[in-house]
Protein backbone atom coordinates (compact mmCIF):
# COMPACT_ATOMS: atom_id res chain seq x y z
CA MET A 1 106.26 92.83 91.85
CA LYS A 2 108.57 90.32 93.86
CA PHE A 3 110.04 91.35 97.44
CA LEU A 4 113.91 91.25 97.37
CA ASP A 5 115.67 90.36 100.63
CA HIS A 6 118.52 92.82 101.57
CA SER A 7 120.00 92.40 104.65
CA HIS A 8 121.22 96.31 104.92
CA PHE A 9 117.51 97.55 104.51
CA GLU A 10 116.75 94.89 107.30
CA ALA A 11 119.17 96.71 109.61
CA LEU A 12 117.94 99.98 108.75
CA ASN A 13 114.11 99.09 109.17
CA SER A 14 114.97 98.44 112.82
CA ALA A 15 117.03 101.57 113.11
CA LEU A 16 114.69 103.92 111.45
CA ASN A 17 112.60 104.03 114.46
CA PHE A 18 112.93 107.30 116.69
CA ASP A 19 111.48 108.83 119.92
CA ALA A 20 110.49 112.38 118.75
CA GLY A 21 108.86 113.62 122.09
CA ILE A 22 105.20 113.14 121.71
CA TYR A 23 105.16 110.95 118.67
CA ARG A 24 107.15 108.43 117.12
CA ILE A 25 108.82 108.53 113.37
CA ILE A 26 109.06 105.12 111.71
CA GLY A 27 110.65 104.39 108.69
CA ARG A 28 110.18 101.50 106.02
CA LEU A 29 112.64 100.21 103.30
CA GLU A 30 111.99 97.72 100.74
CA SER A 31 113.00 96.51 97.66
CA TYR A 32 111.15 95.11 94.48
CA SER A 33 111.65 93.37 91.25
CA CYS A 34 109.76 95.00 88.66
CA LYS A 35 108.90 91.84 87.15
CA LEU A 36 104.87 91.26 87.61
CA VAL A 37 103.37 88.26 88.83
CA ALA A 38 100.38 86.74 86.77
CA SER A 39 97.57 88.49 88.99
CA GLU A 40 99.41 92.02 88.14
CA LYS A 41 99.68 91.55 84.47
CA LYS A 42 96.20 90.63 84.53
CA LEU A 43 95.29 93.86 86.13
CA PHE A 44 97.64 95.97 84.04
CA LYS A 45 95.98 94.74 80.86
CA LEU A 46 92.50 95.56 82.20
CA MET A 47 93.40 99.06 83.38
CA ASN A 48 94.87 99.79 79.96
CA ALA A 49 91.97 98.24 78.08
CA ALA A 50 89.42 99.85 80.10
CA ASP A 51 91.10 103.29 79.22
CA GLY A 52 91.97 102.47 75.51
CA LEU A 53 95.64 103.17 76.11
CA SER A 54 99.04 101.66 75.86
CA PRO A 55 101.41 100.96 78.38
CA ASN A 56 104.01 103.60 76.59
CA ASP A 57 101.30 106.51 76.73
CA LEU A 58 102.29 109.21 79.14
CA GLU A 59 100.12 110.14 82.00
CA ALA A 60 100.19 113.47 83.86
CA LEU A 61 101.47 113.40 87.41
CA SER A 62 101.45 116.17 90.10
CA PRO A 63 104.13 118.54 90.82
CA PRO A 64 106.84 117.47 93.01
CA HIS A 65 106.31 118.38 96.40
CA SER A 66 109.14 119.76 99.06
CA ASN A 67 109.59 120.10 102.81
CA SER A 68 111.56 123.38 102.27
CA PHE A 69 110.94 127.02 100.82
CA THR A 70 114.10 127.00 99.08
CA SER A 71 113.93 123.74 97.32
CA ARG A 72 110.34 124.81 96.30
CA ILE A 73 111.73 128.00 94.60
CA GLU A 74 114.48 125.94 93.11
CA ASN A 75 112.19 123.34 91.43
CA ILE A 76 109.70 125.79 89.98
CA ALA A 77 111.75 125.41 86.71
CA ASP A 78 111.75 121.48 86.59
CA GLU A 79 108.07 120.94 87.67
CA PHE A 80 106.55 121.15 84.33
CA GLU A 81 109.38 119.13 82.80
CA CYS A 82 108.67 116.50 85.34
CA SER A 83 105.15 116.32 85.12
CA GLN A 84 104.39 112.99 83.13
CA THR A 85 105.45 109.31 82.94
CA SER A 86 104.68 106.16 81.22
CA ARG A 87 101.62 104.16 82.20
CA LYS A 88 103.61 101.20 82.56
CA ILE A 89 105.77 102.79 85.33
CA LEU A 90 103.19 104.53 86.91
CA PHE A 91 101.40 100.70 87.18
CA TYR A 92 104.90 99.73 89.04
CA LEU A 93 104.57 102.49 91.53
CA ILE A 94 100.85 100.98 92.24
CA ALA A 95 101.92 97.63 92.41
CA THR A 96 104.82 98.10 94.64
CA LEU A 97 102.19 99.99 97.07
CA ASN A 98 99.84 97.13 96.81
CA ALA A 99 102.87 94.58 97.55
CA SER A 100 104.19 96.92 100.55
CA PHE A 101 100.54 97.09 102.10
CA ASN A 102 99.18 93.83 101.12
CA PRO A 103 96.24 92.74 102.34
CA ASP A 104 94.90 95.83 103.97
CA TYR A 105 94.88 98.16 101.04
CA ASP A 106 94.56 98.17 97.38
CA PHE A 107 95.80 100.83 95.56
CA SER A 108 94.59 99.74 92.04
CA HIS A 109 92.55 103.02 91.64
CA CYS A 110 94.99 105.35 91.94
CA ARG A 111 95.86 107.89 89.35
CA GLY A 112 98.63 109.53 88.01
CA ASP A 113 97.72 113.06 89.75
CA GLU A 114 98.69 111.16 93.23
CA PHE A 115 101.92 110.88 92.06
CA SER A 116 104.93 113.10 91.43
CA LYS A 117 108.26 112.59 89.40
CA GLU A 118 111.34 114.41 91.71
CA SER A 119 113.37 116.40 89.86
CA SER A 120 116.94 115.33 91.75
CA ILE A 121 118.08 112.99 94.46
CA LYS A 122 119.47 116.05 96.18
CA HIS A 123 115.74 117.71 96.27
CA VAL A 124 114.80 114.31 97.95
CA MET A 125 117.74 114.04 100.56
CA ASP A 126 117.07 117.71 101.50
CA ALA A 127 113.14 116.75 102.03
CA VAL A 128 113.99 113.59 104.11
CA ASP A 129 116.64 115.42 106.00
CA SER A 130 114.36 118.24 106.79
CA SER A 131 111.54 116.11 108.17
CA PHE A 132 113.99 114.46 110.68
CA PHE A 133 116.02 117.17 111.65
CA SER A 134 112.99 119.67 112.45
CA SER A 135 111.99 116.93 114.94
CA SER A 136 113.38 116.23 118.32
CA ALA A 137 114.95 112.79 116.67
CA ARG A 138 117.47 114.95 114.62
CA GLN A 139 120.73 113.54 116.62
CA GLU A 140 119.36 109.98 116.32
CA TYR A 141 118.42 110.13 112.58
CA ASN A 142 121.95 112.02 112.02
CA ALA A 143 123.82 108.93 113.23
CA VAL A 144 122.14 106.67 110.33
CA LYS A 145 121.92 109.07 107.91
CA ALA A 146 125.01 108.21 105.88
CA GLN A 147 124.18 104.40 106.15
CA LEU A 148 120.73 105.01 104.77
CA TRP A 149 121.85 106.88 101.64
CA SER A 150 124.83 104.53 100.99
CA ALA A 151 122.42 101.42 101.30
CA ILE A 152 119.97 102.63 98.86
CA ASP A 153 122.68 103.82 96.75
CA SER A 154 124.49 100.34 96.78
CA HIS A 155 121.10 98.83 96.05
CA ILE A 156 119.76 100.94 93.09
CA ASN A 157 122.61 103.32 92.01
CA LEU A 158 121.04 106.61 92.57
CA SER A 159 122.76 108.52 89.82
CA ASP A 160 120.93 106.26 87.39
CA CYS A 161 117.36 106.17 88.78
CA GLU A 162 114.09 108.00 88.65
CA ILE A 163 112.58 109.08 91.88
CA TYR A 164 108.70 109.34 92.40
CA SER A 165 106.49 110.25 95.57
CA PHE A 166 102.97 109.28 96.24
CA ASN A 167 100.82 111.94 97.54
CA PRO A 168 97.70 110.16 98.41
CA ASN A 169 94.40 112.38 98.94
CA SER A 170 92.91 112.24 102.38
CA ASN A 171 90.13 109.65 101.39
CA PHE A 172 93.10 107.17 100.42
CA ASP A 173 95.86 107.45 102.72
CA PRO A 174 96.80 104.29 104.38
CA TRP A 175 98.46 105.80 107.26
CA ASP A 176 95.81 109.24 107.62
CA GLU A 177 94.01 108.01 110.71
CA CYS A 178 96.95 107.64 113.03
CA CYS A 179 99.69 109.69 111.10
CA ILE A 180 100.88 113.49 112.04
CA TRP A 181 102.52 113.42 108.66
CA ALA A 182 104.16 110.94 106.19
CA PHE A 183 106.18 110.48 103.05
CA TYR A 184 106.55 107.89 100.35
CA TYR A 185 109.28 107.45 97.97
CA PHE A 186 110.27 105.43 95.07
CA PHE A 187 113.53 104.72 93.56
CA TYR A 188 113.10 103.22 89.97
CA SER A 189 115.96 101.86 88.01
CA LYS A 190 115.14 100.85 84.97
CA LYS A 191 118.32 99.28 84.24
CA LEU A 192 117.80 96.86 87.25
CA LYS A 193 114.43 96.68 86.96
CA ARG A 194 113.55 97.24 90.48
CA ILE A 195 112.26 99.77 92.68
CA VAL A 196 113.32 100.75 96.50
CA PHE A 197 110.20 102.04 98.31
CA PHE A 198 111.39 104.33 101.14
CA ALA A 199 108.21 105.43 103.61
CA TYR A 200 108.39 107.20 106.96
CA ARG A 201 105.86 108.64 109.32
CA ALA A 202 105.33 110.39 112.20
CA VAL A 203 102.78 108.54 114.72
CA ARG A 204 101.17 109.72 118.04
CA LYS A 205 102.88 107.21 120.64
CA ASP A 206 99.28 106.20 121.63
CA ASP A 207 98.68 105.12 118.23
CA ALA A 208 101.88 103.41 117.68
CA ASP A 209 100.32 99.95 117.78
CA GLY A 210 103.11 97.91 119.38
CA GLU A 211 105.73 99.29 117.04
CA GLU A 212 107.85 100.68 119.93
CA PRO A 213 111.44 99.93 119.49
CA ASP A 214 113.64 98.96 123.00
CA ASP A 215 114.37 101.11 125.77
CA THR A 216 116.38 103.35 124.12
CA GLY A 217 114.50 104.52 121.37
CA TYR A 218 117.22 103.71 118.71
CA THR A 219 118.68 100.51 117.28
CA SER A 220 122.71 101.04 116.44
CA PHE A 221 124.35 98.98 114.04
CA ASP A 222 127.59 99.05 111.76
CA MET A 223 127.24 98.26 108.20
CA ASP A 224 130.03 97.64 105.58
CA LEU A 225 128.58 98.12 102.54
CA MET A 226 131.37 97.35 100.34
């Protein structure tokens, strides 16, 4: 997976860092090409050979998770239809995690039941908004909300992509020890052959490890997406 530079994402990564009282919310927005490097191609072949399956075989996923009761009720009819994806796409998700958290973590042994396919962009947006609006950083997040979704849409075309989430078990959550909560989303475009990775987490201030923002707790900016 090749990391793709994106100036709007860089600005948002500075802005998605909020003071939320006793904890801090930190966001990460990255883009990757789905073109595999040599080591990833080798790993992909080994994984398929070990299981005796092909890249187009389907692998079961977990039902999508939601932050709100209403969205959970709305998702019931869709969950069973969104419970599988090809092993090739699943590997893209794993390779994205490896690229993003390299060299500290290796996600090569993750399985399909640690991922979910989300039913719609609306449900994902509602879940993300709910996470921020339920915190004391709601006002700061509201100031960048429109830019966040516009930047993602301009880069990946949200109406023409599949959305997945990572739901790691407690034994392999890269942020488990220092986080109050964390969410990981992948916006996959088959047409553009790229993935936008959006992850955010709530961290106790004592565990922020030097990730403190400026004195205001918020970096303002103005982006022209056209």
